[in-house]
């Protein structure tokens, strides 16, 4: 998408930039971006472990989307990464921003994991992830979708 840049962000310095994403997601009834901000501040999840990353999509200097990657905390198996806290502002949806974020997450995950999993509870998000190649199912603990990585 023209004018959008996806970058890996450092959790320690970027949590304050999330506030407009927190407000927007909360107004839509979503709590996961508030959880992201809270976890960054508290240190509960900083996306800075081996194989972990946090990415933001920017339009100019304004974050318009975010998506993280963690080692799957719900699996006893090694080699499983989990997509975390994906959100794109409504005005930027269906313009490729989510796809750009997921491409970065998938690229990073491919260097560390054999499977990428996620959990979603909306039909629209499920359809989005399935278009990207995820398979619906409950093969992995706490996941609604998974993808085998090359």
Foldseek 3Di string as FASTA:
>chain_A
DPQKDKDWDFLQPCLVLCVVVCVQCVVVVDRQSVVVSVCSVVVVDGQPDVLKTKMFMDRVNHTFWIKIKDFDPQAPDGQEIEIGDTDGHPVCPPVCPSVVNVVVSLVSSLVGHQKYFYADDDPVVVVVVVVVPWDADPPGPPGRTMDGHD
